[in-house]
Structures are given as C-alpha cells and as structure tokens.
Amino acid sequence: MNLYDENQLVERVAVDFGLTDRQFEVLVQAAGGYNRKEIANNLGIAYSTVSEHLKQIYKKLSVKNRSAAVAAAFNYGLVNPGPTKIAMGAGAV
C-alpha cells in the first residue's frame, strides 16, 4: 500500500466515525502532543473552537477524555506513531 492509498484509508476511517476534516486535524494535533492553545495557534482557530471540536471528537469516538481519544485514534489507525512535539524536544505540554 502506498502513501496515497494509506491517506485515503485514514480519510475513510475518519469519515466512518463522522469526523469533519477540522475535527480530524485537531485530533492529529492532539495525538502529536500539542495542547489546546498550541492547536488553536497551529490551525488558526480560537481556543474555544478547539475545545468544542475535542468535545465532539470524544462523543464521536465514544470516549470520555483526550487521552482516550488519542488512544482510540492510534488503535483505529486514524493516526500513526511518529515524531511528536515532546519526542522532538519541544518541551512538556
């Protein structure tokens, strides 16, 4: 499977869970170790919007918190393990 096929699969899985493109972007950022303020800055959206997206992500993934959402994202193949903010030495979240 090439990268293009993998990206299509991830998009399909995200759609299967009912995630919008923006919710998926927020989830990827959260999985990368970014906090809400950093996600807002990275995506050019308000902090409160990030919080609302996270609430909707929790509901759609049937989880209760951010840690569980990130774990589910890895388990369902929505995100792949790779470099994170913390692993790259950018400091604690």
Foldseek 3Di string as FASTA:
>chain_A
DDPVVLVVVLVVLCVVLVQDPVLLQLLQQLLLQDDLVVSCVVVVHDSVVSVVSQVVLCVSLVHDDSVVSSVSCPVSVNDDDDHHCVNVPVDHD
